[in-house]
């Protein structure tokens, strides 16, 4: 067991880490992007809705489109190394395959490819600089219904060097 000073040090480190984590997750870099989708059910279900914190808003494609693409375009390149993507799970887990890509060096680079979004898919990767991001649904059981998308820039030193750093997934999944 640790001494009182070890416990105090761990406690203080966790408080500091929580503060930095909260500050990072409160700065959604995606909010300054122009966003478009190749399929939108209607105006109340537009892609812009996934950039808000309003849990009552969402994006969905037309009923016959199970593989929409959403593109975020930035006026200037942004630097980021994490994303959070959420599905409206109250309507079921619809997405069965998706990818998030960045437009770098005049080509699309897949940052993450996954099978299920679910309530929250939170991913960390090597820092990227890009002026476009694409969310591509490759397969779904029904037209996807997405609630939220966020891009973040975590301090790599915080994630890698601090003894209180948690796994990437635990860090990002702490956003409520």
Protein backbone atom coordinates (compact mmCIF):
# COMPACT_ATOMS: atom_id res chain seq x y z
CA UNK A 1 0.00 0.00 0.00
CA UNK A 2 1.09 3.56 -0.64
CA UNK A 3 1.91 6.21 1.87
CA UNK A 4 -0.34 9.19 2.54
CA UNK A 5 1.99 11.38 0.45
CA UNK A 6 1.75 8.91 -2.49
CA UNK A 7 -2.04 8.97 -2.27
CA UNK A 8 -2.06 12.77 -2.08
CA UNK A 9 0.26 12.97 -5.11
CA UNK A 10 -1.96 10.57 -7.07
CA UNK A 11 -5.06 12.55 -6.08
CA UNK A 12 -3.47 15.87 -7.11
CA UNK A 13 -2.33 14.36 -10.43
CA UNK A 14 -5.83 13.08 -11.15
CA UNK A 15 -7.33 16.49 -10.39
CA UNK A 16 -4.82 18.14 -12.75
CA UNK A 17 -5.48 15.52 -15.41
CA UNK A 18 -9.26 15.97 -15.08
CA UNK A 19 -8.88 19.74 -15.52
CA UNK A 20 -6.81 19.35 -18.70
CA UNK A 21 -9.13 16.66 -20.02
CA UNK A 22 -12.20 18.82 -19.44
CA UNK A 23 -10.58 21.83 -21.12
CA UNK A 24 -9.62 19.72 -24.14
CA UNK A 25 -13.05 18.13 -24.54
CA UNK A 26 -14.73 21.53 -24.23
CA UNK A 27 -12.89 22.68 -27.36
CA UNK A 28 -14.54 20.80 -30.23
CA UNK A 29 -12.45 21.82 -33.25
CA UNK A 30 -15.14 20.53 -35.63
CA UNK A 31 -17.54 23.31 -34.64
CA UNK A 32 -15.77 25.82 -36.90
CA UNK A 33 -16.14 23.64 -40.02
CA UNK A 34 -18.54 23.90 -42.90
CA UNK A 35 -20.31 20.55 -43.07
CA UNK A 36 -22.14 18.80 -45.87
CA UNK A 37 -23.62 15.37 -46.52
CA UNK A 38 -24.37 13.60 -49.77
CA UNK A 39 -27.75 12.46 -48.42
CA UNK A 40 -30.02 14.31 -45.97
CA UNK A 41 -33.54 13.18 -45.03
CA UNK A 42 -34.83 16.75 -44.54
CA UNK A 43 -33.80 20.13 -43.17
CA UNK A 44 -34.40 19.17 -39.52
CA UNK A 45 -31.98 16.23 -39.91
CA UNK A 46 -29.07 18.13 -41.46
CA UNK A 47 -25.41 17.28 -40.94
CA UNK A 48 -24.91 20.53 -38.98
CA UNK A 49 -26.80 18.91 -36.13
CA UNK A 50 -23.89 16.61 -35.21
CA UNK A 51 -21.76 19.64 -34.37
CA UNK A 52 -24.10 20.77 -31.60
CA UNK A 53 -24.31 19.55 -28.02
CA UNK A 54 -28.10 19.30 -28.29
CA UNK A 55 -29.02 15.65 -27.67
CA UNK A 56 -32.40 16.24 -29.35
CA UNK A 57 -30.78 17.04 -32.71
CA UNK A 58 -29.34 14.49 -35.10
CA UNK A 59 -28.33 13.80 -38.68
CA UNK A 60 -29.88 11.12 -40.83
CA UNK A 61 -29.72 10.25 -44.50
CA UNK A 62 -32.67 9.50 -46.74
CA UNK A 63 -34.45 6.26 -45.97
CA UNK A 64 -32.93 4.51 -48.99
CA UNK A 65 -29.34 5.63 -48.27
CA UNK A 66 -27.43 3.40 -45.86
CA UNK A 67 -23.95 4.63 -46.88
CA UNK A 68 -23.85 8.42 -46.59
CA UNK A 69 -20.70 10.53 -46.53
CA UNK A 70 -20.32 13.64 -44.40
CA UNK A 71 -17.50 16.08 -45.14
CA UNK A 72 -16.24 18.80 -42.83
CA UNK A 73 -14.26 21.58 -44.52
CA UNK A 74 -12.12 24.06 -42.60
CA UNK A 75 -11.01 27.51 -43.80
CA UNK A 76 -7.54 26.74 -42.50
CA UNK A 77 -5.93 23.39 -41.71
CA UNK A 78 -6.45 22.18 -38.15
CA UNK A 79 -4.27 19.98 -35.98
CA UNK A 80 -6.02 17.17 -34.13
CA UNK A 81 -5.46 13.66 -32.79
CA UNK A 82 -8.81 12.39 -31.55
CA UNK A 83 -12.46 12.18 -32.45
CA UNK A 84 -15.73 11.25 -30.81
CA UNK A 85 -18.65 9.99 -32.92
CA UNK A 86 -22.06 9.09 -31.50
CA UNK A 87 -25.06 7.27 -32.89
CA UNK A 88 -28.66 7.71 -31.70
CA UNK A 89 -28.74 4.29 -30.05
CA UNK A 90 -32.34 4.73 -28.92
CA UNK A 91 -33.18 3.82 -32.53
CA UNK A 92 -30.83 0.85 -32.50
CA UNK A 93 -27.23 0.20 -33.47
CA UNK A 94 -27.53 0.78 -37.21
CA UNK A 95 -23.96 1.38 -38.40
CA UNK A 96 -22.01 -1.84 -39.00
CA UNK A 97 -18.95 -0.38 -40.74
CA UNK A 98 -17.55 3.17 -40.95
CA UNK A 99 -14.37 5.16 -41.35
CA UNK A 100 -13.10 8.62 -40.51
CA UNK A 101 -10.57 10.10 -42.94
CA UNK A 102 -8.50 13.29 -43.24
CA UNK A 103 -7.53 15.05 -46.44
CA UNK A 104 -3.75 15.39 -46.20
CA UNK A 105 -1.11 15.74 -48.92
CA UNK A 106 -3.85 15.98 -51.59
CA UNK A 107 -5.36 12.59 -50.73
CA UNK A 108 -7.74 10.98 -48.23
CA UNK A 109 -6.02 9.12 -45.40
CA UNK A 110 -8.13 6.77 -43.26
CA UNK A 111 -7.56 7.64 -39.60
CA UNK A 112 -9.83 4.98 -38.20
CA UNK A 113 -12.01 2.20 -39.58
CA UNK A 114 -14.51 0.49 -37.32
CA UNK A 115 -17.47 -1.84 -37.23
CA UNK A 116 -19.80 -0.19 -34.72
CA UNK A 117 -20.32 3.37 -33.54
CA UNK A 118 -22.87 2.68 -30.83
CA UNK A 119 -23.41 5.17 -28.03
CA UNK A 120 -19.91 6.60 -28.44
CA UNK A 121 -16.89 5.75 -30.53
CA UNK A 122 -13.89 7.63 -29.18
CA UNK A 123 -10.53 7.25 -30.89
CA UNK A 124 -7.04 8.68 -30.48
CA UNK A 125 -4.37 8.56 -33.20
CA UNK A 126 -1.16 10.25 -34.30
CA UNK A 127 -1.58 14.01 -34.67
CA UNK A 128 -2.80 15.04 -38.13
CA UNK A 129 -3.02 18.40 -39.89
CA UNK A 130 -5.87 18.58 -42.40
CA UNK A 131 -8.42 20.96 -43.86
CA UNK A 132 -11.08 18.31 -44.60
CA UNK A 133 -12.48 15.40 -42.60
CA UNK A 134 -14.79 12.73 -43.96
CA UNK A 135 -17.12 10.43 -42.06
CA UNK A 136 -18.04 7.59 -44.38
CA UNK A 137 -20.63 4.99 -43.47
CA UNK A 138 -19.69 1.88 -45.44
CA UNK A 139 -22.46 -0.39 -44.17
CA UNK A 140 -25.58 0.00 -42.04
CA UNK A 141 -28.70 -1.99 -41.19
CA UNK A 142 -30.89 1.08 -41.85
CA UNK A 143 -30.27 4.73 -42.63
CA UNK A 144 -27.72 5.92 -40.03
CA UNK A 145 -28.79 8.36 -37.34
CA UNK A 146 -25.81 10.26 -35.89
CA UNK A 147 -25.98 12.45 -32.80
CA UNK A 148 -22.53 14.01 -32.38
CA UNK A 149 -19.09 14.42 -33.92
CA UNK A 150 -16.15 16.12 -32.25
CA UNK A 151 -12.48 16.64 -33.14
CA UNK A 152 -9.90 17.28 -30.42
CA UNK A 153 -6.24 18.05 -29.94
CA UNK A 154 -4.79 16.29 -26.90
CA UNK A 155 -1.33 17.18 -25.61
CA UNK A 156 0.73 14.11 -26.56
CA UNK A 157 2.95 14.59 -23.50
CA UNK A 158 -0.09 14.41 -21.25
CA UNK A 159 -1.23 11.16 -22.84
CA UNK A 160 2.16 9.47 -22.94
CA UNK A 161 4.36 10.79 -20.17
CA UNK A 162 2.21 11.29 -17.09
CA UNK A 163 1.87 8.40 -14.68
CA UNK A 164 -1.82 9.18 -14.30
CA UNK A 165 -2.59 8.97 -18.01
CA UNK A 166 -5.19 6.38 -18.86
CA UNK A 167 -5.72 4.42 -22.06
CA UNK A 168 -6.84 6.50 -25.04
CA UNK A 169 -10.30 4.96 -25.03
CA UNK A 170 -10.86 5.60 -21.31
CA UNK A 171 -9.70 9.20 -21.69
CA UNK A 172 -12.04 9.98 -24.55
CA UNK A 173 -14.98 8.00 -23.18
CA UNK A 174 -15.02 10.21 -20.09
CA UNK A 175 -16.83 12.93 -22.11
CA UNK A 176 -20.48 12.79 -21.18
